[in-house]
Amino acid sequence: MTNPEIPLCTQFSSELWFPDPYDFRKSGVQSDNATRDALQALKICNACPLFTNGECLELALSDTSSIDFGIYGGTLASERRKATGSISKAWDGEVWQSMIRREADKIGLVKPYIPKRDRPIPRNYDQGVA
């Protein structure tokens, strides 16, 4: 039985949630491993109780660092940025992320609704303000 308080992602390598579609140090060719990892992470998110109740997505949308990177709450960074009206400062594989979403749709993974909202104000940890 799954504990509804513990995210399923904690049982796997954190690298699954931060797939890199290109290895710029090598040839720049799309990585099948990154695609596989992204789909695996989305599958795990879909099975997680924190996905079902929206907690993980809400957390991801409340912090600028989690909006811009990785897979959170069953969503890709490009999807969270779109919901907050953000534009990425660096190329992050928007085309690749669109392909991942199409593949996820094909295998029946739920894409959560992401309501439009303002981008959160970045936290200033140096001054002790959270």
N, C-alpha and C. Protein backbone atom coordinates (compact mmCIF):
# COMPACT_ATOMS: atom_id res chain seq x y z
N MET A 1 0.84 -1.19 0.00
CA MET A 1 0.00 0.00 0.00
C MET A 1 0.88 1.25 0.00
N THR A 2 0.46 2.26 -0.76
CA THR A 2 1.22 3.49 -0.90
C THR A 2 0.85 4.48 0.20
N ASN A 3 1.86 5.08 0.82
CA ASN A 3 1.62 6.11 1.82
C ASN A 3 1.29 7.41 1.09
N PRO A 4 0.11 8.00 1.31
CA PRO A 4 -0.28 9.20 0.57
C PRO A 4 0.54 10.44 0.91
N GLU A 5 1.37 10.36 1.93
CA GLU A 5 2.19 11.49 2.33
C GLU A 5 3.58 11.47 1.68
N ILE A 6 3.98 10.32 1.15
CA ILE A 6 5.33 10.17 0.62
C ILE A 6 5.29 10.12 -0.90
N PRO A 7 5.96 11.05 -1.58
CA PRO A 7 5.96 11.04 -3.04
C PRO A 7 6.66 9.79 -3.58
N LEU A 8 6.09 9.21 -4.62
CA LEU A 8 6.71 8.02 -5.23
C LEU A 8 8.08 8.34 -5.81
N CYS A 9 8.31 9.56 -6.24
CA CYS A 9 9.58 9.91 -6.87
C CYS A 9 10.77 9.72 -5.93
N THR A 10 10.53 9.73 -4.62
CA THR A 10 11.63 9.57 -3.67
C THR A 10 12.20 8.15 -3.69
N GLN A 11 11.50 7.23 -4.35
CA GLN A 11 11.96 5.84 -4.41
C GLN A 11 12.82 5.58 -5.64
N PHE A 12 13.08 6.61 -6.45
CA PHE A 12 13.83 6.46 -7.69
C PHE A 12 14.94 7.50 -7.76
N SER A 13 15.85 7.31 -8.70
CA SER A 13 16.93 8.26 -8.91
C SER A 13 16.37 9.61 -9.35
N SER A 14 16.88 10.69 -8.78
CA SER A 14 16.40 12.02 -9.14
C SER A 14 16.71 12.36 -10.60
N GLU A 15 17.63 11.64 -11.20
CA GLU A 15 17.97 11.90 -12.60
C GLU A 15 16.80 11.65 -13.54
N LEU A 16 15.86 10.78 -13.15
CA LEU A 16 14.68 10.53 -13.98
C LEU A 16 13.88 11.81 -14.20
N TRP A 17 13.83 12.68 -13.21
CA TRP A 17 13.01 13.89 -13.29
C TRP A 17 13.72 15.06 -13.94
N PHE A 18 14.95 14.86 -14.33
CA PHE A 18 15.71 15.91 -15.00
C PHE A 18 16.40 15.35 -16.24
N PRO A 19 15.62 14.80 -17.18
CA PRO A 19 16.23 14.22 -18.38
C PRO A 19 16.82 15.31 -19.27
N ASP A 20 17.93 15.01 -19.88
CA ASP A 20 18.61 15.95 -20.77
C ASP A 20 18.57 15.35 -22.18
N PRO A 21 17.79 15.93 -23.09
CA PRO A 21 17.64 15.34 -24.40
C PRO A 21 18.90 15.41 -25.27
N TYR A 22 19.81 16.25 -24.92
CA TYR A 22 21.04 16.39 -25.71
C TYR A 22 22.26 16.35 -24.80
N ASP A 23 23.29 15.75 -25.30
CA ASP A 23 24.56 15.76 -24.59
C ASP A 23 25.49 16.64 -25.40
N PHE A 24 25.58 17.91 -25.01
CA PHE A 24 26.34 18.88 -25.80
C PHE A 24 27.83 18.59 -25.82
N ARG A 25 28.29 17.79 -24.89
CA ARG A 25 29.72 17.47 -24.89
C ARG A 25 30.06 16.45 -25.96
N LYS A 26 29.03 15.78 -26.49
CA LYS A 26 29.27 14.78 -27.53
C LYS A 26 28.73 15.30 -28.85
N SER A 27 27.80 14.59 -29.44
CA SER A 27 27.37 14.92 -30.80
C SER A 27 26.15 15.81 -30.88
N GLY A 28 25.43 16.00 -29.78
CA GLY A 28 24.20 16.78 -29.84
C GLY A 28 23.03 16.00 -30.41
N VAL A 29 23.15 14.70 -30.50
CA VAL A 29 22.08 13.86 -31.02
C VAL A 29 21.10 13.54 -29.90
N GLN A 30 19.81 13.57 -30.24
CA GLN A 30 18.78 13.30 -29.23
C GLN A 30 19.02 11.95 -28.57
N SER A 31 18.86 11.92 -27.29
CA SER A 31 19.11 10.71 -26.51
C SER A 31 17.83 9.91 -26.30
N ASP A 32 17.83 8.64 -26.74
CA ASP A 32 16.69 7.76 -26.47
C ASP A 32 16.56 7.50 -24.98
N ASN A 33 17.67 7.52 -24.25
CA ASN A 33 17.63 7.31 -22.80
C ASN A 33 16.86 8.43 -22.12
N ALA A 34 17.07 9.67 -22.56
CA ALA A 34 16.36 10.80 -21.95
C ALA A 34 14.87 10.70 -22.22
N THR A 35 14.50 10.28 -23.41
CA THR A 35 13.08 10.11 -23.75
C THR A 35 12.47 9.02 -22.88
N ARG A 36 13.17 7.91 -22.76
CA ARG A 36 12.69 6.81 -21.92
C ARG A 36 12.56 7.26 -20.47
N ASP A 37 13.55 7.98 -19.96
CA ASP A 37 13.52 8.46 -18.58
C ASP A 37 12.36 9.42 -18.34
N ALA A 38 12.12 10.33 -19.29
CA ALA A 38 11.03 11.29 -19.14
C ALA A 38 9.68 10.58 -19.09
N LEU A 39 9.49 9.62 -19.96
CA LEU A 39 8.23 8.87 -19.96
C LEU A 39 8.08 8.06 -18.68
N GLN A 40 9.18 7.48 -18.19
CA GLN A 40 9.13 6.73 -16.93
C GLN A 40 8.77 7.65 -15.77
N ALA A 41 9.35 8.85 -15.75
CA ALA A 41 9.03 9.81 -14.68
C ALA A 41 7.56 10.20 -14.74
N LEU A 42 7.03 10.44 -15.94
CA LEU A 42 5.62 10.79 -16.06
C LEU A 42 4.72 9.64 -15.62
N LYS A 43 5.12 8.41 -15.90
CA LYS A 43 4.35 7.24 -15.44
C LYS A 43 4.32 7.19 -13.91
N ILE A 44 5.47 7.42 -13.29
CA ILE A 44 5.54 7.39 -11.83
C ILE A 44 4.70 8.53 -11.25
N CYS A 45 4.79 9.72 -11.84
CA CYS A 45 3.96 10.85 -11.38
C CYS A 45 2.48 10.49 -11.43
N ASN A 46 2.05 9.88 -12.52
CA ASN A 46 0.63 9.54 -12.68
C ASN A 46 0.15 8.56 -11.62
N ALA A 47 1.05 7.75 -11.08
CA ALA A 47 0.68 6.76 -10.06
C ALA A 47 0.80 7.30 -8.64
N CYS A 48 1.33 8.50 -8.48
CA CYS A 48 1.62 9.06 -7.16
C CYS A 48 0.38 9.72 -6.54
N PRO A 49 0.16 9.52 -5.24
CA PRO A 49 -0.98 10.17 -4.57
C PRO A 49 -0.86 11.69 -4.55
N LEU A 50 0.35 12.22 -4.58
CA LEU A 50 0.51 13.68 -4.59
C LEU A 50 0.18 14.27 -5.95
N PHE A 51 0.23 13.44 -6.99
CA PHE A 51 -0.23 13.85 -8.32
C PHE A 51 -1.75 13.91 -8.32
N THR A 52 -2.37 12.91 -7.77
CA THR A 52 -3.83 12.80 -7.75
C THR A 52 -4.47 13.99 -7.04
N ASN A 53 -3.87 14.42 -5.94
CA ASN A 53 -4.48 15.55 -5.20
C ASN A 53 -3.90 16.91 -5.61
N GLY A 54 -2.97 16.95 -6.56
CA GLY A 54 -2.45 18.20 -7.08
C GLY A 54 -1.38 18.86 -6.24
N GLU A 55 -0.99 18.23 -5.15
CA GLU A 55 0.00 18.83 -4.24
C GLU A 55 1.34 19.10 -4.91
N CYS A 56 1.83 18.13 -5.65
CA CYS A 56 3.15 18.27 -6.27
C CYS A 56 3.16 19.40 -7.30
N LEU A 57 2.13 19.45 -8.12
CA LEU A 57 2.05 20.51 -9.12
C LEU A 57 1.95 21.87 -8.46
N GLU A 58 1.18 21.97 -7.42
CA GLU A 58 1.05 23.24 -6.70
C GLU A 58 2.41 23.69 -6.15
N LEU A 59 3.16 22.74 -5.60
CA LEU A 59 4.50 23.06 -5.10
C LEU A 59 5.40 23.52 -6.24
N ALA A 60 5.34 22.83 -7.37
CA ALA A 60 6.18 23.18 -8.51
C ALA A 60 5.87 24.58 -9.03
N LEU A 61 4.62 24.97 -8.99
CA LEU A 61 4.22 26.28 -9.51
C LEU A 61 4.47 27.41 -8.51
N SER A 62 4.85 27.07 -7.29
CA SER A 62 5.08 28.10 -6.27
C SER A 62 6.54 28.50 -6.16
N ASP A 63 7.42 27.85 -6.91
CA ASP A 63 8.86 28.12 -6.80
C ASP A 63 9.44 28.24 -8.20
N THR A 64 10.13 29.36 -8.46
CA THR A 64 10.66 29.59 -9.80
C THR A 64 11.64 28.52 -10.26
N SER A 65 12.40 27.95 -9.36
CA SER A 65 13.38 26.94 -9.80
C SER A 65 12.70 25.67 -10.30
N SER A 66 11.55 25.32 -9.73
CA SER A 66 10.87 24.11 -10.18
C SER A 66 9.95 24.37 -11.36
N ILE A 67 9.65 25.63 -11.66
CA ILE A 67 8.88 25.93 -12.87
C ILE A 67 9.76 25.69 -14.09
N ASP A 68 11.00 26.08 -14.01
CA ASP A 68 11.88 26.10 -15.18
C ASP A 68 12.59 24.80 -15.49
N PHE A 69 12.62 23.86 -14.57
CA PHE A 69 13.42 22.66 -14.80
C PHE A 69 12.69 21.41 -14.34
N GLY A 70 12.93 20.32 -15.03
CA GLY A 70 12.49 19.01 -14.58
C GLY A 70 11.03 18.69 -14.79
N ILE A 71 10.67 17.52 -14.32
CA ILE A 71 9.30 17.01 -14.37
C ILE A 71 8.76 17.03 -12.94
N TYR A 72 7.66 17.75 -12.77
CA TYR A 72 7.00 17.86 -11.46
C TYR A 72 5.51 17.71 -11.67
N GLY A 73 4.86 16.98 -10.80
CA GLY A 73 3.41 16.89 -10.84
C GLY A 73 2.87 16.41 -12.18
N GLY A 74 3.64 15.61 -12.88
CA GLY A 74 3.20 15.09 -14.17
C GLY A 74 3.28 16.10 -15.29
N THR A 75 4.02 17.18 -15.08
CA THR A 75 4.14 18.21 -16.11
C THR A 75 5.60 18.43 -16.49
N LEU A 76 5.78 18.94 -17.69
CA LEU A 76 7.11 19.29 -18.20
C LEU A 76 7.35 20.78 -17.95
N ALA A 77 8.62 21.17 -17.92
CA ALA A 77 8.96 22.57 -17.65
C ALA A 77 8.28 23.52 -18.64
N SER A 78 8.24 23.14 -19.91
CA SER A 78 7.62 24.01 -20.92
C SER A 78 6.14 24.24 -20.61
N GLU A 79 5.47 23.23 -20.08
CA GLU A 79 4.05 23.35 -19.74
C GLU A 79 3.84 24.27 -18.54
N ARG A 80 4.72 24.19 -17.55
CA ARG A 80 4.61 25.07 -16.38
C ARG A 80 4.94 26.51 -16.75
N ARG A 81 5.95 26.70 -17.61
CA ARG A 81 6.29 28.06 -18.03
C ARG A 81 5.14 28.69 -18.80
N LYS A 82 4.51 27.91 -19.66
CA LYS A 82 3.38 28.43 -20.43
C LYS A 82 2.26 28.88 -19.49
N ALA A 83 1.99 28.12 -18.46
CA ALA A 83 0.93 28.46 -17.51
C ALA A 83 1.23 29.72 -16.72
N THR A 84 2.51 30.03 -16.52
CA THR A 84 2.87 31.22 -15.75
C THR A 84 3.29 32.38 -16.65
N GLY A 85 3.14 32.21 -17.96
CA GLY A 85 3.50 33.28 -18.89
C GLY A 85 4.99 33.53 -18.95
N SER A 86 5.78 32.54 -18.60
CA SER A 86 7.23 32.69 -18.57
C SER A 86 7.85 32.28 -19.90
N ILE A 87 8.93 32.90 -20.22
CA ILE A 87 9.70 32.53 -21.41
C ILE A 87 11.06 32.06 -20.93
N SER A 88 11.48 30.92 -21.43
CA SER A 88 12.77 30.37 -21.02
C SER A 88 13.90 31.26 -21.52
N LYS A 89 14.89 31.47 -20.67
CA LYS A 89 16.07 32.24 -21.06
C LYS A 89 17.05 31.39 -21.85
N ALA A 90 16.93 30.11 -21.73
CA ALA A 90 17.83 29.20 -22.43
C ALA A 90 17.01 28.13 -23.13
N TRP A 91 17.49 27.66 -24.27
CA TRP A 91 16.80 26.59 -24.98
C TRP A 91 16.77 25.37 -24.09
N ASP A 92 15.62 24.76 -23.97
CA ASP A 92 15.52 23.61 -23.07
C ASP A 92 14.87 22.42 -23.75
N GLY A 93 14.82 22.43 -25.05
CA GLY A 93 14.26 21.28 -25.75
C GLY A 93 12.75 21.33 -25.86
N GLU A 94 12.19 22.49 -26.19
CA GLU A 94 10.73 22.63 -26.31
C GLU A 94 10.17 21.61 -27.30
N VAL A 95 10.85 21.42 -28.43
CA VAL A 95 10.37 20.46 -29.43
C VAL A 95 10.41 19.05 -28.84
N TRP A 96 11.49 18.74 -28.15
CA TRP A 96 11.62 17.42 -27.52
C TRP A 96 10.53 17.23 -26.47
N GLN A 97 10.26 18.25 -25.68
CA GLN A 97 9.23 18.13 -24.65
C GLN A 97 7.84 17.94 -25.28
N SER A 98 7.60 18.58 -26.42
CA SER A 98 6.33 18.36 -27.13
C SER A 98 6.22 16.91 -27.59
N MET A 99 7.32 16.35 -28.05
CA MET A 99 7.33 14.95 -28.48
C MET A 99 7.08 14.03 -27.29
N ILE A 100 7.66 14.35 -26.14
CA ILE A 100 7.45 13.55 -24.93
C ILE A 100 5.96 13.56 -24.56
N ARG A 101 5.34 14.74 -24.61
CA ARG A 101 3.92 14.82 -24.26
C ARG A 101 3.08 14.00 -25.24
N ARG A 102 3.39 14.04 -26.54
CA ARG A 102 2.64 13.23 -27.52
C ARG A 102 2.79 11.74 -27.22
N GLU A 103 4.01 11.32 -26.88
CA GLU A 103 4.24 9.91 -26.55
C GLU A 103 3.50 9.52 -25.27
N ALA A 104 3.49 10.41 -24.29
CA ALA A 104 2.77 10.15 -23.04
C ALA A 104 1.27 10.03 -23.30
N ASP A 105 0.75 10.88 -24.17
CA ASP A 105 -0.67 10.80 -24.53
C ASP A 105 -1.00 9.46 -25.18
N LYS A 106 -0.10 8.99 -26.03
CA LYS A 106 -0.31 7.72 -26.72
C LYS A 106 -0.44 6.54 -25.76
N ILE A 107 0.29 6.61 -24.65
CA ILE A 107 0.23 5.49 -23.70
C ILE A 107 -0.74 5.76 -22.54
N GLY A 108 -1.54 6.81 -22.70
CA GLY A 108 -2.63 7.05 -21.76
C GLY A 108 -2.26 7.76 -20.47
N LEU A 109 -1.13 8.46 -20.45
CA LEU A 109 -0.76 9.20 -19.24
C LEU A 109 -1.53 10.51 -19.18
N VAL A 110 -2.06 10.81 -18.03
CA VAL A 110 -2.88 11.99 -17.83
C VAL A 110 -2.01 13.24 -17.81
N LYS A 111 -2.42 14.26 -18.56
CA LYS A 111 -1.77 15.56 -18.47
C LYS A 111 -2.64 16.41 -17.56
N PRO A 112 -2.10 16.83 -16.42
CA PRO A 112 -2.93 17.61 -15.50
C PRO A 112 -3.25 18.99 -16.05
N TYR A 113 -4.39 19.50 -15.64
CA TYR A 113 -4.75 20.88 -15.98
C TYR A 113 -3.87 21.81 -15.16
N ILE A 114 -3.29 22.79 -15.82
CA ILE A 114 -2.45 23.77 -15.13
C ILE A 114 -3.13 25.13 -15.28
N PRO A 115 -3.72 25.65 -14.22
CA PRO A 115 -4.38 26.95 -14.34
C PRO A 115 -3.37 28.06 -14.57
N LYS A 116 -3.76 29.05 -15.36
CA LYS A 116 -2.90 30.22 -15.59
C LYS A 116 -2.71 30.94 -14.27
N ARG A 117 -1.52 31.46 -14.06
CA ARG A 117 -1.22 32.19 -12.83
C ARG A 117 0.02 33.04 -13.06
N ASP A 118 0.25 33.96 -12.15
CA ASP A 118 1.47 34.77 -12.22
C ASP A 118 2.66 33.93 -11.79
N ARG A 119 3.80 34.27 -12.35
CA ARG A 119 5.03 33.60 -11.96
C ARG A 119 5.37 34.04 -10.54
N PRO A 120 5.78 33.10 -9.67
CA PRO A 120 6.13 33.49 -8.29
C PRO A 120 7.37 34.37 -8.26
N ILE A 121 7.46 35.14 -7.21
CA ILE A 121 8.64 35.99 -7.01
C ILE A 121 9.77 35.10 -6.52
N PRO A 122 10.96 35.21 -7.13
CA PRO A 122 12.07 34.37 -6.68
C PRO A 122 12.38 34.61 -5.20
N ARG A 123 12.74 33.55 -4.53
CA ARG A 123 13.08 33.63 -3.10
C ARG A 123 14.48 34.20 -2.95
N ASN A 124 14.67 34.99 -1.90
CA ASN A 124 15.98 35.55 -1.62
C ASN A 124 16.51 34.87 -0.36
N TYR A 125 17.26 33.82 -0.56
CA TYR A 125 17.77 33.05 0.58
C TYR A 125 18.93 33.75 1.30
N ASP A 126 19.63 34.66 0.59
CA ASP A 126 20.75 35.35 1.21
C ASP A 126 20.33 36.26 2.36
N GLN A 127 19.13 36.79 2.27
CA GLN A 127 18.65 37.71 3.30
C GLN A 127 17.73 37.02 4.30
N GLY A 128 17.64 35.70 4.20
CA GLY A 128 16.83 34.96 5.16
C GLY A 128 15.34 35.06 4.91
N VAL A 129 14.94 35.52 3.74
CA VAL A 129 13.53 35.63 3.39
C VAL A 129 13.15 34.42 2.54
N ALA A 130 12.13 33.72 2.94
CA ALA A 130 11.70 32.54 2.17
C ALA A 130 10.47 32.85 1.37
